[in-house]
Amino acid sequence: MDQNPQNGEEQQDKEKEETGKKQVNSKYVRMRLFPFIMLLFGFVFVTALVTTIVMSLGDDKQVKVSIPERKEFTKLYNAYDAIKKNYYKKTDSANLAEGAISGMIASLDDPYSAFMTKKESEEFDDTISSSFEGIGAEIGEEDGHIIVVSPIKNSPAEKAGMKPRDRITEVDGKSIKGQTTNQAIKKIRGEKGTTVTLTVERDGVEKPMEFKLTRAEIPVETVYKEMGSDKIAHVTISTFSEKTGEEFLKALKELDKKGMKGLVVDLRGNPGGLLDQAIAISNMFVPDGKVIVQEEDRNGDKSAATADSSVNDDYKVKVPTTMLIDDGSASASEILAAAASESGNVKLVGTKSFGKGTVQTAQTLDDGSTLKLTVAKWLTPDGTWINKKGLTPDKVISMPDYATLTVPSSDAKLKEGDFGDQVKVVEKLLRALDYNVGKVDGLYDSETAYAVQRFQSANGLEPTGVMTGKTTDKLIEQIRKQLKENDPQLNAAKEMVK
């Protein structure tokens, strides 16, 4: 017997319809919990999306997003809105944001914390990794003043006679009072070959001094070595950059091959740099396992870096060693000196160091700008915080008075009949070179003029008796040569290791 398929389908449809009616009329409607929640979330999402699109098509074409605000920033947002709405010139939002960050940093009253724009960050990286163009001085801030932490070896700043803790008050005749370190650096730096005039105040000098400097390329060559027939090596570290540890290790291995019997490490005028490089070099003087430096965070928790010779091919300095420091030795150079002194039994010679006892880290932000923050104190192995105190050498020896004098600019012209501080400086420098200038009284008299003539004749210059140009340059050169040959600090350091 045949069955009609169509009649079967109609019957099934009727049964489904009846079942559906029963379910609808039932007192309870059964639904699975998970699909229901997902459906609800979907509805909310679509509604929010539609609302956002509609708002974005409004007259102001802005999408309002509700962001949880921190109460302390309400004032900042209000100020930003007021500036954007009412200031009489158009403003740049990025500049306003950077200004706000700079303001927060300034409120810390910390000379070593800073905000750097992308361009400033690139310039900062240059000083650590390769070379840069400028006057060649580490600039910092102290008690509201822009100061010279230390001139870099063989730089225009050093050659002109700038000294640690010189206070820079003007750049090209314009005051920099109240400016940040980065703002001052931006004005002082520039392309090589260009000039900049700095007005400087110095303790012990009554009148402000002017330095007219020609900017140059400052190579970051950080290690210089020499050794005479006595086999006492003199190794200078000018700063701590990316390759300083490698340069220093290479220099010492070469000196070992030449029969080094004693070592003087010269940290005078070293403004610091990268902490890891100072630690790497400290490893060469401190026995393994002993403390190199301690860090103390905001909560008073301390951590210590200990010596590990494996980072330097297991190299340790085995000859008697002394280290030279002065008021231009700061930060990383003080860490090395303190580690070598307290954990490595190395004697320090010279004068008290600068006294910078804080640690900074640099965080690169999304747009390439940099936030440099002081994050900790650093302590010597014995737990001393040297900030604003410095390290006192085991043997305190000062340089001759004439070593700290500022030679007049070669553009200046001093002649018989002139009177003043610049004349007195010239008299002192000539006397240091064993020229008889008579009484050192600041008067350019006939005796001073005759001393200048004899100096000129001895150095192949026209004997005019006038101190200017090539004569001034030669005077600086001869003073430097004299200081190098008769360096009381270096001589004492060498005697201590013989």
Protein backbone atom coordinates (compact mmCIF):
# COMPACT_ATOMS: atom_id res chain seq x y z
CA MET A 1 0.00 0.00 0.00
CA ASP A 2 1.35 3.30 -1.11
CA GLN A 3 1.65 6.33 1.35
CA ASN A 4 1.32 10.02 0.25
CA PRO A 5 4.54 11.91 1.36
CA GLN A 6 2.79 15.30 1.23
CA ASN A 7 0.13 14.18 3.72
CA GLY A 8 2.92 13.02 6.11
CA GLU A 9 4.63 16.42 6.01
CA GLU A 10 1.40 18.29 6.70
CA GLN A 11 0.78 16.07 9.71
CA GLN A 12 4.29 16.84 11.11
CA ASP A 13 3.76 20.57 10.63
CA LYS A 14 0.52 20.44 12.57
CA GLU A 15 2.21 18.54 15.39
CA LYS A 16 5.00 21.18 15.58
CA GLU A 17 2.44 23.99 15.61
CA GLU A 18 0.53 22.37 18.45
CA THR A 19 3.73 21.82 20.43
CA GLY A 20 4.75 25.46 19.94
CA LYS A 21 1.35 26.70 21.19
CA LYS A 22 1.69 24.54 24.28
CA GLN A 23 5.15 25.99 24.98
CA VAL A 24 4.00 29.57 24.58
CA ASN A 25 0.99 29.06 26.82
CA SER A 26 3.10 27.37 29.47
CA LYS A 27 3.58 29.25 32.77
CA TYR A 28 7.41 28.88 32.54
CA VAL A 29 9.52 29.54 29.46
CA ARG A 30 12.69 27.47 29.44
CA MET A 31 15.89 29.06 28.01
CA ARG A 32 19.49 28.10 28.53
CA LEU A 33 21.38 30.60 30.70
CA PHE A 34 24.58 31.07 28.62
CA PRO A 35 22.83 31.91 25.27
CA PHE A 36 20.65 34.39 27.09
CA ILE A 37 23.58 36.26 28.63
CA MET A 38 25.42 36.34 25.31
CA LEU A 39 22.33 37.72 23.64
CA LEU A 40 22.06 40.42 26.28
CA PHE A 41 25.72 41.44 25.87
CA GLY A 42 25.29 41.55 22.14
CA PHE A 43 22.31 43.86 22.45
CA VAL A 44 24.21 46.24 24.76
CA PHE A 45 27.24 46.30 22.45
CA VAL A 46 25.20 47.05 19.33
CA THR A 47 23.28 49.78 21.14
CA ALA A 48 26.54 51.43 22.30
CA LEU A 49 28.02 51.18 18.81
CA VAL A 50 24.99 52.79 17.18
CA THR A 51 24.98 55.56 19.80
CA THR A 52 28.67 56.30 19.15
CA ILE A 53 28.18 56.46 15.39
CA VAL A 54 25.20 58.77 15.72
CA MET A 55 27.13 61.09 18.05
CA SER A 56 30.11 61.16 15.70
CA LEU A 57 27.84 62.46 12.94
CA GLY A 58 26.62 65.36 15.04
CA ASP A 59 27.44 69.01 14.48
CA ASP A 60 30.72 69.01 16.45
CA LYS A 61 31.78 65.68 14.98
CA GLN A 62 33.33 64.60 18.28
CA VAL A 63 32.97 61.32 20.05
CA LYS A 64 32.64 61.71 23.79
CA VAL A 65 34.32 58.93 25.69
CA SER A 66 33.79 58.55 29.39
CA ILE A 67 37.17 57.97 31.07
CA PRO A 68 37.47 57.56 34.82
CA GLU A 69 39.29 60.71 36.01
CA ARG A 70 41.73 60.94 38.90
CA LYS A 71 40.63 63.68 41.26
CA GLU A 72 44.08 65.33 41.41
CA PHE A 73 44.10 65.87 37.64
CA THR A 74 40.78 67.76 37.46
CA LYS A 75 42.63 71.07 37.83
CA LEU A 76 45.01 70.09 35.05
CA TYR A 77 42.18 69.19 32.67
CA ASN A 78 40.38 72.44 33.45
CA ALA A 79 43.52 74.48 32.80
CA TYR A 80 44.12 72.64 29.52
CA ASP A 81 40.53 73.26 28.38
CA ALA A 82 40.75 76.94 29.32
CA ILE A 83 43.98 77.41 27.39
CA LYS A 84 42.66 75.61 24.31
CA LYS A 85 39.44 77.62 24.35
CA ASN A 86 40.52 81.11 25.43
CA TYR A 87 44.21 81.69 24.70
CA TYR A 88 44.58 84.44 22.10
CA LYS A 89 46.82 82.32 19.85
CA LYS A 90 46.36 78.81 18.53
CA THR A 91 48.09 76.27 20.73
CA ASP A 92 49.72 72.94 20.03
CA SER A 93 48.31 70.13 22.13
CA ALA A 94 51.59 68.18 22.12
CA ASN A 95 53.51 71.22 23.37
CA LEU A 96 50.97 71.76 26.14
CA ALA A 97 51.27 68.12 27.22
CA GLU A 98 55.07 68.28 27.22
CA GLY A 99 54.91 71.51 29.21
CA ALA A 100 52.72 69.81 31.80
CA ILE A 101 55.21 66.95 32.12
CA SER A 102 58.11 69.40 32.44
CA GLY A 103 56.18 71.21 35.15
CA MET A 104 55.69 68.00 37.12
CA ILE A 105 59.41 67.25 36.86
CA ALA A 106 60.29 70.79 37.99
CA SER A 107 58.07 70.37 41.07
CA LEU A 108 60.35 67.53 42.23
CA ASP A 109 63.14 70.08 42.82
CA ASP A 110 65.66 67.49 41.64
CA PRO A 111 68.42 68.73 39.31
CA TYR A 112 68.96 65.28 37.83
CA SER A 113 65.37 64.42 36.85
CA ALA A 114 64.29 65.75 33.47
CA PHE A 115 61.88 65.45 30.59
CA MET A 116 63.48 65.44 27.13
CA THR A 117 61.72 65.83 23.83
CA LYS A 118 62.53 63.41 21.03
CA LYS A 119 65.21 65.75 19.65
CA GLU A 120 66.74 66.33 23.08
CA SER A 121 66.73 62.57 23.68
CA GLU A 122 68.68 61.98 20.48
CA GLU A 123 71.24 64.61 21.50
CA PHE A 124 71.53 63.03 24.95
CA ASP A 125 72.13 59.59 23.38
CA ASP A 126 74.90 61.12 21.24
CA THR A 127 76.86 62.16 24.32
CA ILE A 128 76.87 58.57 25.56
CA SER A 129 77.34 56.57 22.38
CA SER A 130 79.44 58.42 19.82
CA SER A 131 80.13 62.15 19.63
CA PHE A 132 78.32 65.44 19.79
CA GLU A 133 78.87 69.07 18.88
CA GLY A 134 79.14 71.74 21.53
CA ILE A 135 81.51 73.18 24.12
CA GLY A 136 82.27 69.87 25.84
CA ALA A 137 81.07 70.30 29.40
CA GLU A 138 78.75 68.37 31.67
CA ILE A 139 76.05 70.81 32.72
CA GLY A 140 73.88 70.41 35.81
CA GLU A 141 71.73 72.32 38.25
CA GLU A 142 72.47 73.15 41.88
CA ASP A 143 70.58 75.43 44.27
CA GLY A 144 68.70 77.04 41.40
CA HIS A 145 71.83 77.72 39.33
CA ILE A 146 73.00 76.15 36.07
CA ILE A 147 76.50 74.92 36.86
CA VAL A 148 79.42 73.23 35.16
CA VAL A 149 79.78 69.78 36.70
CA SER A 150 82.98 69.19 34.78
CA PRO A 151 84.57 70.16 31.45
CA ILE A 152 85.38 67.20 29.21
CA LYS A 153 89.06 66.48 28.57
CA ASN A 154 90.53 68.46 25.63
CA SER A 155 87.21 70.21 24.97
CA PRO A 156 86.72 73.92 24.18
CA ALA A 157 85.36 74.39 27.71
CA GLU A 158 88.44 72.87 29.32
CA LYS A 159 90.87 74.72 27.06
CA ALA A 160 89.16 78.02 27.84
CA GLY A 161 89.62 77.42 31.57
CA MET A 162 86.08 76.64 32.72
CA LYS A 163 86.00 74.92 36.09
CA PRO A 164 83.66 72.61 38.03
CA ARG A 165 80.88 74.51 39.84
CA ASP A 166 81.20 77.58 37.60
CA ARG A 167 77.71 79.12 37.55
CA ILE A 168 76.50 79.99 34.06
CA THR A 169 74.24 83.04 34.27
CA GLU A 170 73.95 84.13 30.64
CA VAL A 171 74.24 82.59 27.18
CA ASP A 172 75.04 85.07 24.41
CA GLY A 173 74.05 87.92 26.70
CA LYS A 174 70.64 86.48 27.63
CA SER A 175 69.87 85.37 31.17
CA ILE A 176 69.15 81.70 31.80
CA LYS A 177 67.97 82.26 35.36
CA GLY A 178 65.17 79.87 36.27
CA GLN A 179 65.74 77.61 33.27
CA THR A 180 66.10 73.86 33.47
CA THR A 181 69.30 72.02 32.67
CA ASN A 182 67.92 70.84 29.32
CA GLN A 183 66.80 74.34 28.37
CA ALA A 184 70.27 75.66 29.12
CA ILE A 185 72.00 72.86 27.21
CA LYS A 186 69.81 73.57 24.19
CA LYS A 187 71.11 77.16 24.11
CA ILE A 188 74.75 76.24 24.79
CA ARG A 189 75.04 73.46 22.22
CA GLY A 190 75.31 74.08 18.49
CA GLU A 191 77.08 73.18 15.28
CA LYS A 192 80.85 72.96 15.31
CA GLY A 193 82.57 76.12 14.16
CA THR A 194 79.91 78.39 15.63
CA THR A 195 80.59 80.48 18.71
CA VAL A 196 78.79 80.98 22.00
CA THR A 197 79.55 83.41 24.81
CA LEU A 198 78.93 82.28 28.37
CA THR A 199 78.80 84.62 31.35
CA VAL A 200 80.02 82.81 34.43
CA GLU A 201 80.18 83.49 38.16
CA ARG A 202 82.89 81.75 40.17
CA ASP A 203 83.43 81.57 43.90
CA GLY A 204 86.36 83.77 44.90
CA VAL A 205 86.13 85.94 41.78
CA GLU A 206 84.41 89.29 42.31
CA LYS A 207 83.24 90.06 38.79
CA PRO A 208 81.42 87.79 36.30
CA MET A 209 83.68 86.28 33.65
CA GLU A 210 82.97 85.84 29.96
CA PHE A 211 84.03 82.83 27.91
CA LYS A 212 83.76 83.08 24.14
CA LEU A 213 83.89 79.47 22.95
CA THR A 214 84.03 77.98 19.49
CA ARG A 215 81.91 74.86 19.44
CA ALA A 216 83.59 71.69 18.20
CA GLU A 217 82.89 68.01 17.66
CA ILE A 218 83.40 66.32 21.00
CA PRO A 219 84.47 62.72 20.45
CA VAL A 220 83.56 60.41 23.27
CA GLU A 221 86.98 58.84 23.57
CA THR A 222 87.04 57.93 27.20
CA VAL A 223 90.32 56.20 28.07
CA TYR A 224 93.85 57.64 27.64
CA LYS A 225 97.01 55.82 28.70
CA GLU A 226 100.71 56.58 29.03
CA MET A 227 103.67 54.95 30.78
CA GLY A 228 107.23 56.12 31.20
CA SER A 229 110.47 54.30 31.88
CA ASP A 230 109.51 53.88 35.55
CA LYS A 231 106.72 51.52 34.38
CA ILE A 232 104.13 53.43 36.42
CA ALA A 233 101.09 53.70 34.16
CA HIS A 234 98.85 56.78 34.12
CA VAL A 235 95.39 55.95 32.75
CA THR A 236 92.76 58.69 32.48
CA ILE A 237 89.03 57.96 32.26
CA SER A 238 87.30 61.11 31.02
CA THR A 239 83.71 59.84 31.25
CA PHE A 240 81.74 56.58 31.34
CA SER A 241 80.10 55.79 28.00
CA GLU A 242 79.03 52.54 26.32
CA LYS A 243 82.53 51.26 25.52
CA THR A 244 84.50 52.62 28.48
CA GLY A 245 84.78 49.25 30.25
CA GLU A 246 86.11 47.58 27.11
CA GLU A 247 88.53 50.45 26.42
CA PHE A 248 89.87 50.36 29.97
CA LEU A 249 90.34 46.57 29.97
CA LYS A 250 92.15 46.73 26.63
CA ALA A 251 94.43 49.52 27.87
CA LEU A 252 95.40 47.60 31.02
CA LYS A 253 96.15 44.39 29.14
CA GLU A 254 98.43 46.32 26.77
CA LEU A 255 100.18 47.97 29.71
CA ASP A 256 100.64 44.58 31.39
CA LYS A 257 102.43 43.32 28.27
CA LYS A 258 104.79 46.31 28.49
CA GLY A 259 105.70 45.49 32.09
CA MET A 260 103.41 47.76 34.14
CA LYS A 261 104.59 47.85 37.78
CA GLY A 262 102.15 50.41 39.19
CA LEU A 263 98.95 52.16 38.13
CA VAL A 264 97.42 55.60 38.64
CA VAL A 265 93.79 55.86 37.53
CA ASP A 266 92.94 59.50 36.85
CA LEU A 267 89.29 60.39 37.50
CA ARG A 268 89.81 64.14 37.82
CA GLY A 269 87.21 66.10 35.91
CA ASN A 270 85.22 62.94 35.15
CA PRO A 271 81.51 63.92 35.37
CA GLY A 272 80.21 60.34 35.40
CA GLY A 273 77.99 58.54 32.90
CA LEU A 274 76.74 54.97 32.71
CA LEU A 275 76.54 53.13 36.01
CA ASP A 276 77.10 49.68 34.48
CA GLN A 277 80.44 50.82 33.07
CA ALA A 278 81.60 52.08 36.45
CA ILE A 279 80.62 48.73 37.98
CA ALA A 280 82.42 46.81 35.20
CA ILE A 281 85.65 48.70 35.89
CA SER A 282 85.22 48.40 39.66
CA ASN A 283 85.24 44.61 39.18
CA MET A 284 88.90 44.88 38.18
CA PHE A 285 89.88 46.31 41.59
CA VAL A 286 87.44 44.70 44.03
CA PRO A 287 87.76 41.03 45.14
CA ASP A 288 84.92 38.82 43.95
CA GLY A 289 81.92 38.81 46.25
CA LYS A 290 82.71 42.13 47.94
CA VAL A 291 80.32 45.08 47.58
CA ILE A 292 80.90 47.62 44.81
CA VAL A 293 77.90 49.89 45.37
CA GLN A 294 74.57 49.85 47.19
CA GLU A 295 71.26 51.33 46.07
CA GLU A 296 68.54 52.48 48.45
CA ASP A 297 65.00 53.01 47.12
CA ARG A 298 62.23 55.32 48.37
CA ASN A 299 61.16 52.77 50.98
CA GLY A 300 64.64 52.42 52.43
CA ASP A 301 65.15 48.97 50.92
CA LYS A 302 68.74 48.33 49.88
CA SER A 303 70.32 46.17 47.20
CA ALA A 304 73.99 45.69 46.45
CA ALA A 305 76.12 45.05 43.38
CA THR A 306 79.02 42.74 44.20
CA ALA A 307 82.22 42.10 42.32
CA ASP A 308 82.30 39.36 39.68
CA SER A 309 85.49 39.13 37.62
CA SER A 310 83.84 36.94 34.96
CA VAL A 311 82.40 40.08 33.33
CA ASN A 312 85.97 41.14 32.47
CA ASP A 313 87.49 37.83 31.32
CA ASP A 314 88.46 37.16 34.97
CA TYR A 315 90.89 40.10 34.82
CA LYS A 316 92.01 41.71 38.07
CA VAL A 317 94.54 44.51 38.52
CA LYS A 318 97.48 43.01 40.38
CA VAL A 319 99.85 45.99 40.60
CA PRO A 320 99.76 48.69 43.33
CA THR A 321 97.15 51.31 42.40
CA THR A 322 96.08 54.81 43.39
CA MET A 323 93.21 56.91 42.04
CA LEU A 324 93.08 60.67 41.46
CA ILE A 325 89.91 62.63 42.19
CA ASP A 326 88.94 66.31 42.39
CA ASP A 327 85.86 68.51 42.57
CA GLY A 328 85.03 67.59 38.97
CA SER A 329 84.83 63.87 39.75
CA ALA A 330 81.13 63.06 40.02
CA SER A 331 78.56 60.27 40.02
CA ALA A 332 79.90 57.13 38.29
CA SER A 333 83.52 58.21 38.86
CA GLU A 334 82.74 58.57 42.57
CA ILE A 335 81.18 55.08 42.58
CA LEU A 336 84.38 53.64 41.10
CA ALA A 337 86.61 55.58 43.50
CA ALA A 338 84.52 54.60 46.55
CA ALA A 339 84.41 50.92 45.54
CA ALA A 340 88.14 50.76 44.90
CA SER A 341 88.86 52.59 48.16
CA GLU A 342 86.52 50.80 50.56
CA SER A 343 86.44 47.31 49.03
CA GLY A 344 89.70 47.23 47.09
CA ASN A 345 92.12 49.01 49.44
CA VAL A 346 93.09 51.55 46.74
CA LYS A 347 94.30 54.93 48.04
CA LEU A 348 92.67 58.13 46.78
CA VAL A 349 94.74 61.25 46.04
CA GLY A 350 93.72 64.83 45.18
CA THR A 351 90.87 66.97 46.49
CA LYS A 352 87.29 66.29 47.62
CA SER A 353 85.00 65.01 44.86
CA PHE A 354 81.80 66.66 43.58
CA GLY A 355 79.24 64.72 45.64
CA LYS A 356 76.47 63.31 43.44
CA GLY A 357 74.85 60.40 45.25
CA THR A 358 71.73 59.61 43.25
CA VAL A 359 70.84 57.15 40.49
CA GLN A 360 68.80 57.99 37.41
CA THR A 361 66.96 55.83 34.88
CA ALA A 362 65.73 56.93 31.46
CA GLN A 363 62.37 55.72 30.15
CA THR A 364 61.64 56.22 26.46
CA LEU A 365 58.02 57.23 25.84
CA ASP A 366 55.92 56.27 22.82
CA ASP A 367 56.76 59.39 20.81
CA GLY A 368 60.53 59.05 21.34
CA SER A 369 60.72 61.55 24.20
CA THR A 370 62.44 60.52 27.41
CA LEU A 371 61.59 60.73 31.08
CA LYS A 372 64.74 60.72 33.19
CA LEU A 373 64.00 60.18 36.87
CA THR A 374 66.04 59.87 40.01
CA VAL A 375 64.98 56.47 41.35
CA ALA A 376 67.40 55.77 44.18
CA LYS A 377 70.28 56.89 46.34
CA TRP A 378 73.57 55.14 45.86
CA LEU A 379 75.71 54.33 48.88
CA THR A 380 79.36 53.41 49.17
CA PRO A 381 80.21 49.80 50.14
CA ASP A 382 80.33 50.95 53.77
CA GLY A 383 76.85 52.48 53.48
CA THR A 384 77.81 56.17 53.25
CA TRP A 385 75.68 58.58 51.21
CA ILE A 386 78.09 61.13 49.74
CA ASN A 387 75.47 63.44 48.16
CA LYS A 388 76.63 67.08 48.39
CA LYS A 389 79.51 65.88 50.58
CA GLY A 390 81.85 64.11 48.19
CA LEU A 391 84.70 61.69 48.87
CA THR A 392 87.68 62.92 50.86
CA PRO A 393 90.99 61.54 49.51
CA ASP A 394 93.43 59.62 51.70
CA LYS A 395 96.07 62.12 50.64
CA VAL A 396 94.75 65.65 50.06
CA ILE A 397 96.88 67.62 47.61
CA SER A 398 95.78 70.76 45.78
CA MET A 399 96.93 71.96 42.40
CA PRO A 400 98.95 75.22 42.18
CA ASP A 401 96.89 78.39 42.42
CA TYR A 402 97.63 79.30 38.81
CA ALA A 403 96.00 76.05 37.64
CA THR A 404 92.57 77.45 38.49
CA LEU A 405 93.06 80.86 36.91
CA THR A 406 91.03 81.84 33.88
CA VAL A 407 93.21 83.09 31.05
CA PRO A 408 91.83 86.13 29.22
CA SER A 409 90.31 85.45 25.82
CA SER A 410 92.73 85.68 22.90
CA ASP A 411 90.37 88.32 21.53
CA ALA A 412 91.23 90.59 24.46
CA LYS A 413 94.11 93.02 24.02
CA LEU A 414 96.14 93.89 27.12
CA LYS A 415 98.95 96.45 26.89
CA GLU A 416 101.10 98.78 28.97
CA GLY A 417 98.95 101.13 31.04
CA ASP A 418 96.03 98.71 31.42
CA PHE A 419 94.81 97.76 34.88
CA GLY A 420 92.49 95.07 36.25
CA ASP A 421 91.91 91.42 37.13
CA GLN A 422 92.85 90.15 33.66
CA VAL A 423 96.23 91.82 33.93
CA LYS A 424 96.75 90.22 37.35
CA VAL A 425 96.00 86.78 35.85
CA VAL A 426 98.58 87.33 33.10
CA GLU A 427 101.15 88.38 35.71
CA LYS A 428 100.53 85.25 37.79
CA LEU A 429 100.78 82.95 34.77
CA LEU A 430 104.00 84.53 33.54
CA ARG A 431 105.49 84.26 37.02
CA ALA A 432 104.49 80.56 37.11
CA LEU A 433 106.60 80.19 33.94
CA ASP A 434 109.55 81.93 35.72
CA TYR A 435 109.23 85.31 34.04
CA ASN A 436 109.89 88.32 36.30
CA VAL A 437 106.86 90.60 36.16
CA GLY A 438 107.75 92.70 39.18
CA LYS A 439 104.89 93.20 41.61
CA VAL A 440 101.71 91.23 40.89
CA ASP A 441 99.28 94.10 41.32
CA GLY A 442 97.08 94.12 38.21
CA LEU A 443 98.98 97.02 36.62
CA TYR A 444 100.39 96.40 33.14
CA ASP A 445 103.57 98.40 33.73
CA SER A 446 106.93 98.37 31.93
CA GLU A 447 108.09 95.28 33.82
CA THR A 448 104.99 93.34 32.75
CA ALA A 449 105.42 94.49 29.14
CA TYR A 450 109.08 93.42 29.19
CA ALA A 451 108.14 89.98 30.60
CA VAL A 452 105.63 89.57 27.78
CA GLN A 453 108.31 90.55 25.22
CA ARG A 454 110.70 87.93 26.57
CA PHE A 455 107.94 85.32 26.54
CA GLN A 456 107.14 86.16 22.92
CA SER A 457 110.79 85.97 21.84
CA ALA A 458 111.26 82.62 23.58
CA ASN A 459 108.29 81.20 21.66
CA GLY A 460 109.05 82.56 18.19
CA LEU A 461 106.51 85.40 18.32
CA GLU A 462 106.94 89.08 17.47
CA PRO A 463 108.06 90.82 20.70
CA THR A 464 105.39 93.54 20.87
CA GLY A 465 104.87 93.40 24.62
CA VAL A 466 101.10 93.15 24.03
CA MET A 467 99.12 90.18 25.36
CA THR A 468 96.64 89.17 22.67
CA GLY A 469 95.92 86.61 19.92
CA LYS A 470 98.71 84.07 19.36
CA THR A 471 100.57 85.28 22.45
CA THR A 472 97.60 84.44 24.67
CA ASP A 473 97.13 81.07 22.96
CA LYS A 474 100.81 80.24 23.48
CA LEU A 475 100.58 81.27 27.13
CA ILE A 476 97.72 78.81 27.65
CA GLU A 477 99.68 76.09 25.85
CA GLN A 478 102.79 76.62 27.98
CA ILE A 479 100.80 76.65 31.24
CA ARG A 480 99.17 73.35 30.30
CA LYS A 481 102.55 71.85 29.48
CA GLN A 482 103.93 73.05 32.80
CA LEU A 483 100.99 71.57 34.72
CA LYS A 484 101.43 68.26 32.98
CA GLU A 485 105.15 68.09 33.70
CA ASN A 486 104.79 69.36 37.28
CA ASP A 487 101.48 67.87 38.38
CA PRO A 488 101.78 67.57 42.19
CA GLN A 489 98.72 65.32 42.49
CA LEU A 490 99.91 62.89 39.83
CA ASN A 491 103.46 62.91 41.18
CA ALA A 492 102.21 62.07 44.68
CA ALA A 493 99.96 59.30 43.35
CA LYS A 494 102.90 57.78 41.48
CA GLU A 495 105.15 57.90 44.55
CA MET A 496 102.54 55.99 46.54
CA VAL A 497 102.64 53.00 44.17
CA LYS A 498 106.40 52.76 43.71
